[in-house]
Structures are given as C-alpha cells and as structure tokens.
Amino acid sequence: MATTLQPPSIKLPSARGVPRTKKLGPEVPSTGIWVGLAAITMTFAAFTSAMIVRHGSAPDWQHFSFPIILYFNTVVLIASSFTLHMARSRFAAIGNGAADSGPALRALYGTLVLGGLFVCGQYAAWLQLRTKGIYLATNPSSSFFYLFTVLHALHVIGGLLGLTYVISKLHRSVLAKRTLDATSQYWHFMGVLWLYLLGLLWIRI
C-alpha cells in the first residue's frame, strides 16, 4: 500500500530566540480538503433541491421572519475570514525573517473567538424562534431552516476544531504551511456557504 511522505521541517532560531519552522523539500498538495468540500457541496445541493421541490409541491409552506441576529452572525463570520487571512499573511512573514509567531497567533485566536461567537449567535437565533413557537416540526419551512442552519453550524464547529489544532501546532513551532492553507480553505468555504444559505432561506422562507 502506497504511503505519502511528508516533507520534513527544522526549527531555526530567530533574532529573539523564538524558533520558527522552515520546511524542507517540495510541498505536496493535499486533495483531501477538496474532496471534503466537494462532499459538503453535494450534500447541501441535495438538500437545496429537496427544499425547492417540497416548497412547490404543496400549499402548506409557511413563511416566517428571520431572527435579526442572523445578520449580525453573518458579519461576524465574514470578519473571521479577514482575521484568518491576516493570520496567513503573518505566518508567511515568519518564514521571511519575522521575529516571532505572536502576530499570527493573535490573528488565529481572533478567528477562533469570532467563529465561536457565530455558533453562539446561531444558537441564540434558534432560541428566538422557539419563543415564537417555531420548532423543527412546526412546518416544512421551519424544518428546512433548522436543517440548514444546524448542519452548517456543525461544520463550523469542525472548522473551530481545525483552528484549535493549527494554533497548537504554531505554539510548538511545527505548523506546516499546507495545514494552515487547508484550514483556511475550509473556513472561507464555510463563509461562502453561509452567504449562499442565508440568501436561499431569505428567498424561500
């Protein structure tokens, strides 16, 4: 069975005595993240088709107002993409002679906090709907709303676990660039996916 050898890394002392990681050998592009994103895309595409068919197949579809906090959550998730982009730029600066990994770590922690705030905001939105008597089984429209938002939130939580892993690697100065890149691609995809879902639900619900 074939195995993939990962490029080795070494620690180099910086000007302030803080180790930084330098990769040796060519980077091996990972297709795993793209396979995962493709699977997620297909899943949400299938649910989108099911919702469109269900919407037009019977007259029992009911519309309801979105919790206002969803728009705040959207801004938070977009902001987290910006902080993650900053983290990647500052991590690249480490390899170009930057003194330490502090700026990259702070940007990553900012992304982690914003991501956690997004999930908490989604939970608050569900609670607001519950106070209005809108539950998972109240109506087909509410069922799809909960399905989409809960499934997306679970994927965001997966991204938070990935960010935690990246932060732990950077703390130990053993973070590979491809690991950060893969995590960033996943996180940015979650942002784009949420904008799509918000637009879809706004039109249909």
N, C-alpha and C. Protein backbone atom coordinates (compact mmCIF):
# COMPACT_ATOMS: atom_id res chain seq x y z
N MET A 1 0.85 -1.17 0.00
CA MET A 1 0.00 0.00 0.00
C MET A 1 0.89 1.23 0.00
N ALA A 2 0.61 2.15 -0.92
CA ALA A 2 1.47 3.32 -1.07
C ALA A 2 1.24 4.29 0.08
N THR A 3 2.30 4.94 0.51
CA THR A 3 2.21 5.95 1.56
C THR A 3 2.78 7.25 1.04
N THR A 4 2.32 8.34 1.62
CA THR A 4 2.80 9.67 1.24
C THR A 4 3.74 10.20 2.30
N LEU A 5 4.94 10.50 1.93
CA LEU A 5 5.92 11.03 2.86
C LEU A 5 5.75 12.53 2.96
N GLN A 6 5.66 13.05 4.19
CA GLN A 6 5.52 14.48 4.40
C GLN A 6 6.90 15.13 4.42
N PRO A 7 7.04 16.32 3.83
CA PRO A 7 8.32 17.00 3.87
C PRO A 7 8.75 17.27 5.29
N PRO A 8 10.00 17.03 5.64
CA PRO A 8 10.46 17.27 7.00
C PRO A 8 10.55 18.76 7.28
N SER A 9 10.64 19.11 8.55
CA SER A 9 10.78 20.51 8.93
C SER A 9 11.87 20.61 9.98
N ILE A 10 12.50 21.77 10.06
CA ILE A 10 13.52 22.03 11.06
C ILE A 10 13.19 23.32 11.76
N LYS A 11 13.70 23.49 12.96
CA LYS A 11 13.49 24.72 13.71
C LYS A 11 14.74 25.59 13.61
N LEU A 12 14.54 26.83 13.26
CA LEU A 12 15.63 27.78 13.16
C LEU A 12 15.47 28.85 14.23
N PRO A 13 16.54 29.24 14.90
CA PRO A 13 16.41 30.29 15.90
C PRO A 13 16.17 31.64 15.23
N SER A 14 15.30 32.45 15.80
CA SER A 14 15.04 33.78 15.27
C SER A 14 15.90 34.79 16.00
N ALA A 15 15.71 36.05 15.65
CA ALA A 15 16.52 37.09 16.27
C ALA A 15 16.24 37.20 17.76
N ARG A 16 15.07 36.82 18.20
CA ARG A 16 14.73 36.92 19.61
C ARG A 16 14.76 35.56 20.30
N GLY A 17 15.29 34.59 19.65
CA GLY A 17 15.38 33.28 20.27
C GLY A 17 14.12 32.46 20.17
N VAL A 18 13.15 32.93 19.40
CA VAL A 18 11.90 32.18 19.23
C VAL A 18 12.04 31.32 18.00
N PRO A 19 11.84 30.01 18.11
CA PRO A 19 12.01 29.14 16.94
C PRO A 19 10.95 29.39 15.90
N ARG A 20 11.33 29.25 14.66
CA ARG A 20 10.36 29.30 13.59
C ARG A 20 10.58 28.09 12.70
N THR A 21 9.55 27.71 12.01
CA THR A 21 9.61 26.48 11.22
C THR A 21 9.96 26.79 9.79
N LYS A 22 10.90 26.03 9.25
CA LYS A 22 11.24 26.13 7.84
C LYS A 22 11.06 24.76 7.22
N LYS A 23 10.31 24.70 6.14
CA LYS A 23 10.02 23.43 5.50
C LYS A 23 11.13 23.05 4.54
N LEU A 24 11.42 21.78 4.49
CA LEU A 24 12.42 21.27 3.57
C LEU A 24 11.73 20.45 2.49
N GLY A 25 12.20 20.57 1.28
CA GLY A 25 11.65 19.77 0.19
C GLY A 25 10.40 20.41 -0.37
N PRO A 26 9.93 19.93 -1.53
CA PRO A 26 8.75 20.50 -2.16
C PRO A 26 7.49 20.16 -1.39
N GLU A 27 6.53 21.07 -1.43
CA GLU A 27 5.26 20.83 -0.77
C GLU A 27 4.42 19.85 -1.59
N VAL A 28 3.77 18.96 -0.90
CA VAL A 28 2.89 18.01 -1.56
C VAL A 28 1.47 18.52 -1.43
N PRO A 29 0.83 18.94 -2.53
CA PRO A 29 -0.54 19.47 -2.43
C PRO A 29 -1.50 18.38 -1.96
N SER A 30 -2.34 18.72 -1.02
CA SER A 30 -3.30 17.76 -0.48
C SER A 30 -4.64 17.93 -1.17
N THR A 31 -5.19 16.82 -1.64
CA THR A 31 -6.50 16.84 -2.28
C THR A 31 -7.61 16.51 -1.29
N GLY A 32 -7.23 16.13 -0.08
CA GLY A 32 -8.23 15.73 0.91
C GLY A 32 -9.24 16.83 1.19
N ILE A 33 -8.75 18.08 1.33
CA ILE A 33 -9.65 19.17 1.67
C ILE A 33 -10.65 19.40 0.55
N TRP A 34 -10.18 19.25 -0.71
CA TRP A 34 -11.08 19.48 -1.84
C TRP A 34 -12.12 18.38 -1.96
N VAL A 35 -11.73 17.16 -1.63
CA VAL A 35 -12.70 16.06 -1.62
C VAL A 35 -13.77 16.32 -0.56
N GLY A 36 -13.33 16.78 0.61
CA GLY A 36 -14.27 17.08 1.67
C GLY A 36 -15.22 18.20 1.30
N LEU A 37 -14.69 19.26 0.72
CA LEU A 37 -15.54 20.39 0.32
C LEU A 37 -16.52 19.98 -0.77
N ALA A 38 -16.07 19.11 -1.68
CA ALA A 38 -16.97 18.63 -2.73
C ALA A 38 -18.13 17.84 -2.13
N ALA A 39 -17.81 17.01 -1.12
CA ALA A 39 -18.86 16.22 -0.47
C ALA A 39 -19.86 17.13 0.26
N ILE A 40 -19.35 18.16 0.92
CA ILE A 40 -20.23 19.11 1.61
C ILE A 40 -21.12 19.83 0.61
N THR A 41 -20.53 20.24 -0.51
CA THR A 41 -21.29 20.93 -1.55
C THR A 41 -22.41 20.06 -2.07
N MET A 42 -22.11 18.80 -2.34
CA MET A 42 -23.13 17.88 -2.84
C MET A 42 -24.25 17.67 -1.83
N THR A 43 -23.88 17.61 -0.55
CA THR A 43 -24.89 17.42 0.50
C THR A 43 -25.86 18.59 0.54
N PHE A 44 -25.32 19.80 0.56
CA PHE A 44 -26.19 20.97 0.63
C PHE A 44 -26.95 21.17 -0.68
N ALA A 45 -26.37 20.78 -1.80
CA ALA A 45 -27.08 20.87 -3.08
C ALA A 45 -28.28 19.94 -3.08
N ALA A 46 -28.10 18.74 -2.51
CA ALA A 46 -29.20 17.78 -2.44
C ALA A 46 -30.33 18.31 -1.56
N PHE A 47 -29.97 18.89 -0.41
CA PHE A 47 -31.00 19.45 0.47
C PHE A 47 -31.68 20.66 -0.17
N THR A 48 -30.91 21.43 -0.94
CA THR A 48 -31.50 22.58 -1.64
C THR A 48 -32.55 22.11 -2.64
N SER A 49 -32.21 21.08 -3.40
CA SER A 49 -33.17 20.54 -4.37
C SER A 49 -34.42 20.01 -3.66
N ALA A 50 -34.21 19.34 -2.53
CA ALA A 50 -35.35 18.80 -1.78
C ALA A 50 -36.25 19.93 -1.28
N MET A 51 -35.65 21.03 -0.83
CA MET A 51 -36.45 22.14 -0.33
C MET A 51 -37.25 22.80 -1.45
N ILE A 52 -36.61 22.98 -2.60
CA ILE A 52 -37.31 23.60 -3.73
C ILE A 52 -38.48 22.74 -4.18
N VAL A 53 -38.28 21.44 -4.25
CA VAL A 53 -39.36 20.53 -4.64
C VAL A 53 -40.48 20.54 -3.61
N ARG A 54 -40.10 20.49 -2.33
CA ARG A 54 -41.11 20.49 -1.26
C ARG A 54 -41.87 21.81 -1.23
N HIS A 55 -41.19 22.90 -1.50
CA HIS A 55 -41.84 24.22 -1.49
C HIS A 55 -42.95 24.30 -2.53
N GLY A 56 -42.71 23.72 -3.69
CA GLY A 56 -43.68 23.84 -4.77
C GLY A 56 -44.67 22.71 -4.86
N SER A 57 -44.55 21.71 -4.01
CA SER A 57 -45.40 20.52 -4.15
C SER A 57 -46.68 20.57 -3.34
N ALA A 58 -46.78 21.49 -2.36
CA ALA A 58 -47.97 21.54 -1.50
C ALA A 58 -48.18 22.96 -1.00
N PRO A 59 -49.42 23.31 -0.65
CA PRO A 59 -49.72 24.69 -0.22
C PRO A 59 -49.51 24.94 1.27
N ASP A 60 -48.88 24.02 2.00
CA ASP A 60 -48.74 24.17 3.45
C ASP A 60 -47.46 24.87 3.86
N TRP A 61 -46.73 25.41 2.90
CA TRP A 61 -45.47 26.10 3.21
C TRP A 61 -45.78 27.45 3.86
N GLN A 62 -45.22 27.70 5.02
CA GLN A 62 -45.47 28.94 5.74
C GLN A 62 -44.19 29.77 5.85
N HIS A 63 -44.33 31.07 5.64
CA HIS A 63 -43.19 31.98 5.75
C HIS A 63 -43.13 32.56 7.17
N PHE A 64 -41.93 32.86 7.63
CA PHE A 64 -41.77 33.50 8.94
C PHE A 64 -40.57 34.43 8.89
N SER A 65 -40.53 35.35 9.81
CA SER A 65 -39.46 36.36 9.83
C SER A 65 -38.18 35.78 10.42
N PHE A 66 -37.06 36.14 9.82
CA PHE A 66 -35.77 35.72 10.34
C PHE A 66 -35.47 36.45 11.64
N PRO A 67 -34.81 35.78 12.59
CA PRO A 67 -34.26 36.50 13.75
C PRO A 67 -33.20 37.49 13.28
N ILE A 68 -33.26 38.71 13.78
CA ILE A 68 -32.33 39.76 13.34
C ILE A 68 -30.88 39.37 13.61
N ILE A 69 -30.65 38.56 14.63
CA ILE A 69 -29.29 38.20 14.99
C ILE A 69 -28.58 37.44 13.87
N LEU A 70 -29.31 36.85 12.95
CA LEU A 70 -28.68 36.13 11.85
C LEU A 70 -27.81 37.06 11.01
N TYR A 71 -28.22 38.31 10.87
CA TYR A 71 -27.44 39.26 10.09
C TYR A 71 -26.17 39.66 10.84
N PHE A 72 -26.29 39.79 12.16
CA PHE A 72 -25.10 40.03 12.98
C PHE A 72 -24.13 38.86 12.87
N ASN A 73 -24.66 37.64 12.92
CA ASN A 73 -23.83 36.45 12.80
C ASN A 73 -23.09 36.44 11.46
N THR A 74 -23.76 36.91 10.41
CA THR A 74 -23.13 36.95 9.09
C THR A 74 -21.92 37.87 9.09
N VAL A 75 -22.08 39.04 9.69
CA VAL A 75 -20.96 39.99 9.78
C VAL A 75 -19.80 39.37 10.56
N VAL A 76 -20.12 38.67 11.65
CA VAL A 76 -19.09 38.04 12.48
C VAL A 76 -18.32 36.99 11.68
N LEU A 77 -19.02 36.18 10.91
CA LEU A 77 -18.36 35.13 10.15
C LEU A 77 -17.48 35.72 9.04
N ILE A 78 -17.95 36.79 8.40
CA ILE A 78 -17.13 37.46 7.39
C ILE A 78 -15.88 38.04 8.03
N ALA A 79 -16.04 38.65 9.20
CA ALA A 79 -14.88 39.22 9.90
C ALA A 79 -13.86 38.14 10.25
N SER A 80 -14.35 36.93 10.58
CA SER A 80 -13.42 35.85 10.92
C SER A 80 -12.58 35.43 9.71
N SER A 81 -13.13 35.55 8.52
CA SER A 81 -12.35 35.24 7.32
C SER A 81 -11.23 36.26 7.14
N PHE A 82 -11.51 37.51 7.47
CA PHE A 82 -10.47 38.54 7.37
C PHE A 82 -9.35 38.30 8.37
N THR A 83 -9.71 37.94 9.60
CA THR A 83 -8.66 37.68 10.60
C THR A 83 -7.84 36.46 10.23
N LEU A 84 -8.47 35.47 9.62
CA LEU A 84 -7.72 34.29 9.19
C LEU A 84 -6.78 34.62 8.04
N HIS A 85 -7.23 35.49 7.14
CA HIS A 85 -6.34 35.95 6.07
C HIS A 85 -5.14 36.69 6.65
N MET A 86 -5.38 37.49 7.68
CA MET A 86 -4.28 38.17 8.35
C MET A 86 -3.32 37.17 8.98
N ALA A 87 -3.88 36.11 9.57
CA ALA A 87 -3.03 35.08 10.19
C ALA A 87 -2.12 34.42 9.16
N ARG A 88 -2.66 34.13 7.99
CA ARG A 88 -1.85 33.51 6.93
C ARG A 88 -0.74 34.44 6.48
N SER A 89 -1.05 35.73 6.36
CA SER A 89 -0.02 36.69 5.94
C SER A 89 1.08 36.81 6.98
N ARG A 90 0.69 36.82 8.24
CA ARG A 90 1.69 36.96 9.30
C ARG A 90 2.48 35.67 9.50
N PHE A 91 1.84 34.54 9.23
CA PHE A 91 2.58 33.28 9.28
C PHE A 91 3.61 33.22 8.16
N ALA A 92 3.25 33.72 6.98
CA ALA A 92 4.21 33.76 5.87
C ALA A 92 5.40 34.65 6.21
N ALA A 93 5.14 35.71 6.99
CA ALA A 93 6.23 36.61 7.37
C ALA A 93 7.23 35.94 8.29
N ILE A 94 6.78 34.91 9.04
CA ILE A 94 7.71 34.19 9.92
C ILE A 94 8.81 33.53 9.08
N GLY A 95 8.41 32.93 7.97
CA GLY A 95 9.39 32.28 7.10
C GLY A 95 10.27 33.26 6.37
N ASN A 96 9.85 34.53 6.33
CA ASN A 96 10.64 35.55 5.66
C ASN A 96 11.49 36.37 6.62
N GLY A 97 11.63 35.86 7.84
CA GLY A 97 12.53 36.51 8.79
C GLY A 97 11.87 37.27 9.90
N ALA A 98 10.55 37.14 10.07
CA ALA A 98 9.88 37.83 11.17
C ALA A 98 10.38 37.28 12.51
N ALA A 99 10.33 38.12 13.53
CA ALA A 99 10.94 37.77 14.81
C ALA A 99 10.21 36.64 15.52
N ASP A 100 8.90 36.64 15.54
CA ASP A 100 8.19 35.61 16.28
C ASP A 100 6.82 35.36 15.66
N SER A 101 6.12 34.40 16.25
CA SER A 101 4.82 33.99 15.72
C SER A 101 3.66 34.67 16.43
N GLY A 102 3.95 35.62 17.30
CA GLY A 102 2.91 36.28 18.08
C GLY A 102 1.79 36.89 17.24
N PRO A 103 2.11 37.69 16.22
CA PRO A 103 1.04 38.29 15.40
C PRO A 103 0.14 37.25 14.73
N ALA A 104 0.74 36.19 14.22
CA ALA A 104 -0.05 35.13 13.59
C ALA A 104 -0.95 34.45 14.61
N LEU A 105 -0.43 34.20 15.80
CA LEU A 105 -1.23 33.56 16.84
C LEU A 105 -2.40 34.44 17.26
N ARG A 106 -2.15 35.73 17.40
CA ARG A 106 -3.23 36.63 17.81
C ARG A 106 -4.34 36.65 16.76
N ALA A 107 -3.97 36.65 15.50
CA ALA A 107 -4.97 36.65 14.43
C ALA A 107 -5.75 35.33 14.43
N LEU A 108 -5.06 34.22 14.70
CA LEU A 108 -5.74 32.92 14.76
C LEU A 108 -6.70 32.85 15.94
N TYR A 109 -6.26 33.38 17.07
CA TYR A 109 -7.16 33.41 18.23
C TYR A 109 -8.37 34.30 17.96
N GLY A 110 -8.15 35.39 17.24
CA GLY A 110 -9.27 36.24 16.86
C GLY A 110 -10.28 35.50 16.01
N THR A 111 -9.77 34.71 15.06
CA THR A 111 -10.65 33.90 14.21
C THR A 111 -11.41 32.88 15.04
N LEU A 112 -10.72 32.27 15.99
CA LEU A 112 -11.35 31.28 16.85
C LEU A 112 -12.48 31.89 17.67
N VAL A 113 -12.23 33.07 18.22
CA VAL A 113 -13.25 33.74 19.03
C VAL A 113 -14.45 34.14 18.18
N LEU A 114 -14.19 34.69 16.99
CA LEU A 114 -15.28 35.09 16.11
C LEU A 114 -16.10 33.89 15.65
N GLY A 115 -15.41 32.79 15.37
CA GLY A 115 -16.12 31.57 14.98
C GLY A 115 -17.01 31.05 16.10
N GLY A 116 -16.48 31.08 17.32
CA GLY A 116 -17.29 30.66 18.47
C GLY A 116 -18.47 31.59 18.69
N LEU A 117 -18.27 32.89 18.45
CA LEU A 117 -19.35 33.85 18.59
C LEU A 117 -20.44 33.60 17.54
N PHE A 118 -20.03 33.19 16.34
CA PHE A 118 -21.01 32.87 15.30
C PHE A 118 -21.88 31.70 15.74
N VAL A 119 -21.28 30.65 16.25
CA VAL A 119 -22.05 29.47 16.68
C VAL A 119 -23.00 29.84 17.82
N CYS A 120 -22.51 30.64 18.77
CA CYS A 120 -23.38 31.08 19.87
C CYS A 120 -24.53 31.92 19.34
N GLY A 121 -24.24 32.77 18.34
CA GLY A 121 -25.28 33.58 17.74
C GLY A 121 -26.33 32.75 17.04
N GLN A 122 -25.90 31.66 16.39
CA GLN A 122 -26.87 30.76 15.75
C GLN A 122 -27.76 30.10 16.79
N TYR A 123 -27.17 29.72 17.90
CA TYR A 123 -27.97 29.12 18.98
C TYR A 123 -28.99 30.12 19.51
N ALA A 124 -28.56 31.38 19.63
CA ALA A 124 -29.48 32.42 20.08
C ALA A 124 -30.64 32.60 19.09
N ALA A 125 -30.34 32.47 17.79
CA ALA A 125 -31.39 32.58 16.78
C ALA A 125 -32.40 31.45 16.92
N TRP A 126 -31.92 30.24 17.19
CA TRP A 126 -32.85 29.11 17.38
C TRP A 126 -33.73 29.33 18.60
N LEU A 127 -33.13 29.89 19.67
CA LEU A 127 -33.92 30.16 20.87
C LEU A 127 -34.99 31.21 20.60
N GLN A 128 -34.66 32.21 19.80
CA GLN A 128 -35.64 33.23 19.45
C GLN A 128 -36.82 32.63 18.68
N LEU A 129 -36.51 31.72 17.78
CA LEU A 129 -37.59 31.06 17.04
C LEU A 129 -38.45 30.21 17.96
N ARG A 130 -37.83 29.56 18.92
CA ARG A 130 -38.59 28.73 19.85
C ARG A 130 -39.54 29.57 20.68
N THR A 131 -39.12 30.78 21.07
CA THR A 131 -40.02 31.64 21.84
C THR A 131 -41.23 32.08 21.02
N LYS A 132 -41.10 32.04 19.69
CA LYS A 132 -42.22 32.38 18.81
C LYS A 132 -43.05 31.15 18.43
N GLY A 133 -42.68 30.01 19.00
CA GLY A 133 -43.42 28.78 18.71
C GLY A 133 -43.04 28.13 17.40
N ILE A 134 -41.86 28.45 16.89
CA ILE A 134 -41.39 27.87 15.63
C ILE A 134 -40.33 26.82 15.95
N TYR A 135 -40.69 25.56 15.75
CA TYR A 135 -39.81 24.45 16.07
C TYR A 135 -39.45 23.68 14.80
N LEU A 136 -38.67 22.64 14.97
CA LEU A 136 -38.24 21.84 13.84
C LEU A 136 -39.43 21.26 13.07
N ALA A 137 -40.43 20.77 13.79
CA ALA A 137 -41.56 20.09 13.16
C ALA A 137 -42.79 20.97 13.00
N THR A 138 -42.63 22.29 13.22
CA THR A 138 -43.79 23.18 13.13
C THR A 138 -44.34 23.23 11.71
N ASN A 139 -43.44 23.32 10.72
CA ASN A 139 -43.85 23.48 9.34
C ASN A 139 -42.70 23.01 8.46
N PRO A 140 -42.95 22.61 7.21
CA PRO A 140 -41.83 22.25 6.33
C PRO A 140 -40.79 23.35 6.20
N SER A 141 -41.22 24.61 6.19
CA SER A 141 -40.26 25.71 6.06
C SER A 141 -39.34 25.78 7.27
N SER A 142 -39.90 25.63 8.47
CA SER A 142 -39.07 25.66 9.67
C SER A 142 -38.16 24.44 9.74
N SER A 143 -38.64 23.30 9.24
CA SER A 143 -37.80 22.10 9.23
C SER A 143 -36.54 22.32 8.39
N PHE A 144 -36.71 22.89 7.21
CA PHE A 144 -35.55 23.15 6.36
C PHE A 144 -34.66 24.24 6.94
N PHE A 145 -35.27 25.22 7.59
CA PHE A 145 -34.45 26.27 8.22
C PHE A 145 -33.53 25.67 9.28
N TYR A 146 -34.09 24.87 10.17
CA TYR A 146 -33.26 24.24 11.21
C TYR A 146 -32.25 23.28 10.60
N LEU A 147 -32.66 22.54 9.59
CA LEU A 147 -31.76 21.58 8.95
C LEU A 147 -30.53 22.28 8.40
N PHE A 148 -30.75 23.34 7.63
CA PHE A 148 -29.64 24.05 7.01
C PHE A 148 -28.74 24.73 8.04
N THR A 149 -29.34 25.44 8.97
CA THR A 149 -28.55 26.22 9.92
C THR A 149 -27.81 25.33 10.92
N VAL A 150 -28.46 24.27 11.37
CA VAL A 150 -27.80 23.36 12.32
C VAL A 150 -26.66 22.60 11.63
N LEU A 151 -26.92 22.12 10.42
CA LEU A 151 -25.88 21.38 9.70
C LEU A 151 -24.68 22.28 9.40
N HIS A 152 -24.95 23.52 9.03
CA HIS A 152 -23.85 24.44 8.78
C HIS A 152 -23.08 24.74 10.07
N ALA A 153 -23.80 24.94 11.17
CA ALA A 153 -23.14 25.22 12.45
C ALA A 153 -22.24 24.06 12.87
N LEU A 154 -22.68 22.83 12.62
CA LEU A 154 -21.85 21.67 12.96
C LEU A 154 -20.56 21.67 12.14
N HIS A 155 -20.66 22.06 10.88
CA HIS A 155 -19.45 22.15 10.05
C HIS A 155 -18.53 23.28 10.53
N VAL A 156 -19.12 24.37 11.00
CA VAL A 156 -18.31 25.45 11.55
C VAL A 156 -17.59 24.98 12.81
N ILE A 157 -18.26 24.21 13.63
CA ILE A 157 -17.62 23.66 14.83
C ILE A 157 -16.44 22.78 14.42
N GLY A 158 -16.61 22.02 13.34
CA GLY A 158 -15.48 21.24 12.82
C GLY A 158 -14.32 22.14 12.43
N GLY A 159 -14.65 23.29 11.83
CA GLY A 159 -13.60 24.26 11.49
C GLY A 159 -12.92 24.83 12.73
N LEU A 160 -13.68 25.03 13.79
CA LEU A 160 -13.09 25.53 15.04
C LEU A 160 -12.11 24.51 15.62
N LEU A 161 -12.45 23.23 15.51
CA LEU A 161 -11.51 22.20 15.97
C LEU A 161 -10.24 22.23 15.12
N GLY A 162 -10.40 22.45 13.81
CA GLY A 162 -9.23 22.57 12.95
C GLY A 162 -8.37 23.77 13.33
N LEU A 163 -9.00 24.89 13.65
CA LEU A 163 -8.25 26.09 14.06
C LEU A 163 -7.50 25.83 15.37
N THR A 164 -8.16 25.11 16.28
CA THR A 164 -7.50 24.78 17.55
C THR A 164 -6.25 23.93 17.30
N TYR A 165 -6.36 23.00 16.38
CA TYR A 165 -5.21 22.15 16.01
C TYR A 165 -4.10 23.00 15.42
N VAL A 166 -4.45 23.94 14.54
CA VAL A 166 -3.45 24.82 13.91
C VAL A 166 -2.75 25.66 14.97
N ILE A 167 -3.52 26.21 15.90
CA ILE A 167 -2.94 27.04 16.96
C ILE A 167 -1.97 26.23 17.81
N SER A 168 -2.34 25.00 18.15
CA SER A 168 -1.45 24.16 18.96
C SER A 168 -0.15 23.86 18.21
N LYS A 169 -0.25 23.65 16.90
CA LYS A 169 0.94 23.41 16.10
C LYS A 169 1.84 24.64 16.07
N LEU A 170 1.24 25.81 15.92
CA LEU A 170 2.03 27.03 15.85
C LEU A 170 2.68 27.33 17.18
N HIS A 171 2.01 27.03 18.27
CA HIS A 171 2.60 27.22 19.60
C HIS A 171 3.87 26.40 19.75
N ARG A 172 3.90 25.23 19.12
CA ARG A 172 5.07 24.35 19.20
C ARG A 172 6.03 24.55 18.04
N SER A 173 5.73 25.57 17.20
CA SER A 173 6.59 25.91 16.06
C SER A 173 6.77 24.75 15.09
N VAL A 174 5.74 23.96 14.91
CA VAL A 174 5.81 22.84 13.97
C VAL A 174 4.66 22.90 12.96
N LEU A 175 4.09 24.07 12.78
CA LEU A 175 2.97 24.22 11.86
C LEU A 175 3.46 24.24 10.42
N ALA A 176 2.92 23.35 9.59
CA ALA A 176 3.24 23.32 8.17
C ALA A 176 2.30 24.27 7.42
N LYS A 177 2.82 24.93 6.42
CA LYS A 177 2.04 25.89 5.66
C LYS A 177 0.81 25.24 5.03
N ARG A 178 0.97 24.01 4.54
CA ARG A 178 -0.15 23.36 3.88
C ARG A 178 -1.29 23.07 4.85
N THR A 179 -0.97 22.86 6.13
CA THR A 179 -2.01 22.65 7.14
C THR A 179 -2.82 23.91 7.35
N LEU A 180 -2.13 25.04 7.46
CA LEU A 180 -2.82 26.31 7.60
C LEU A 180 -3.63 26.64 6.35
N ASP A 181 -3.07 26.35 5.19
CA ASP A 181 -3.78 26.61 3.93
C ASP A 181 -5.06 25.80 3.84
N ALA A 182 -4.99 24.51 4.19
CA ALA A 182 -6.17 23.65 4.12
C ALA A 182 -7.25 24.12 5.09
N THR A 183 -6.83 24.50 6.30
CA THR A 183 -7.78 25.00 7.29
C THR A 183 -8.42 26.30 6.81
N SER A 184 -7.63 27.15 6.19
CA SER A 184 -8.14 28.43 5.68
C SER A 184 -9.15 28.20 4.56
N GLN A 185 -8.84 27.28 3.66
CA GLN A 185 -9.76 26.98 2.56
C GLN A 185 -11.10 26.49 3.09
N TYR A 186 -11.03 25.61 4.08
CA TYR A 186 -12.27 25.10 4.68
C TYR A 186 -13.05 26.23 5.33
N TRP A 187 -12.37 27.08 6.07
CA TRP A 187 -13.05 28.15 6.81
C TRP A 187 -13.69 29.16 5.85
N HIS A 188 -12.95 29.56 4.83
CA HIS A 188 -13.50 30.51 3.86
C HIS A 188 -14.70 29.89 3.14
N PHE A 189 -14.64 28.60 2.87
CA PHE A 189 -15.76 27.91 2.24
C PHE A 189 -16.99 27.97 3.13
N MET A 190 -16.81 27.81 4.44
CA MET A 190 -17.94 27.91 5.35
C MET A 190 -18.58 29.29 5.29
N GLY A 191 -17.76 30.33 5.11
CA GLY A 191 -18.30 31.67 4.99
C GLY A 191 -19.12 31.84 3.73
N VAL A 192 -18.58 31.36 2.61
CA VAL A 192 -19.30 31.44 1.33
C VAL A 192 -20.58 30.61 1.39
N LEU A 193 -20.49 29.44 1.98
CA LEU A 193 -21.65 28.57 2.10
C LEU A 193 -22.75 29.24 2.93
N TRP A 194 -22.37 29.92 4.00
CA TRP A 194 -23.37 30.58 4.82
C TRP A 194 -24.06 31.71 4.05
N LEU A 195 -23.31 32.48 3.27
CA LEU A 195 -23.93 33.53 2.47
C LEU A 195 -24.93 32.94 1.48
N TYR A 196 -24.58 31.81 0.90
CA TYR A 196 -25.50 31.13 -0.01
C TYR A 196 -26.77 30.68 0.73
N LEU A 197 -26.58 30.05 1.90
CA LEU A 197 -27.73 29.56 2.65
C LEU A 197 -28.62 30.71 3.11
N LEU A 198 -28.01 31.80 3.55
CA LEU A 198 -28.79 32.93 4.01
C LEU A 198 -29.64 33.49 2.87
N GLY A 199 -29.04 33.62 1.69
CA GLY A 199 -29.79 34.11 0.54
C GLY A 199 -30.89 33.15 0.14
N LEU A 200 -30.59 31.85 0.15
CA LEU A 200 -31.58 30.85 -0.21
C LEU A 200 -32.76 30.85 0.74
N LEU A 201 -32.47 30.88 2.04
CA LEU A 201 -33.54 30.86 3.03
C LEU A 201 -34.34 32.16 3.01
N TRP A 202 -33.67 33.27 2.74
CA TRP A 202 -34.37 34.55 2.68
C TRP A 202 -35.37 34.56 1.52
N ILE A 203 -34.99 33.97 0.40
CA ILE A 203 -35.87 33.93 -0.77
C ILE A 203 -37.03 32.96 -0.55
N ARG A 204 -36.74 31.80 0.01
CA ARG A 204 -37.74 30.75 0.12
C ARG A 204 -38.56 30.82 1.40
N ILE A 205 -37.99 31.43 2.45
CA ILE A 205 -38.69 31.42 3.74
C ILE A 205 -39.09 32.84 4.17
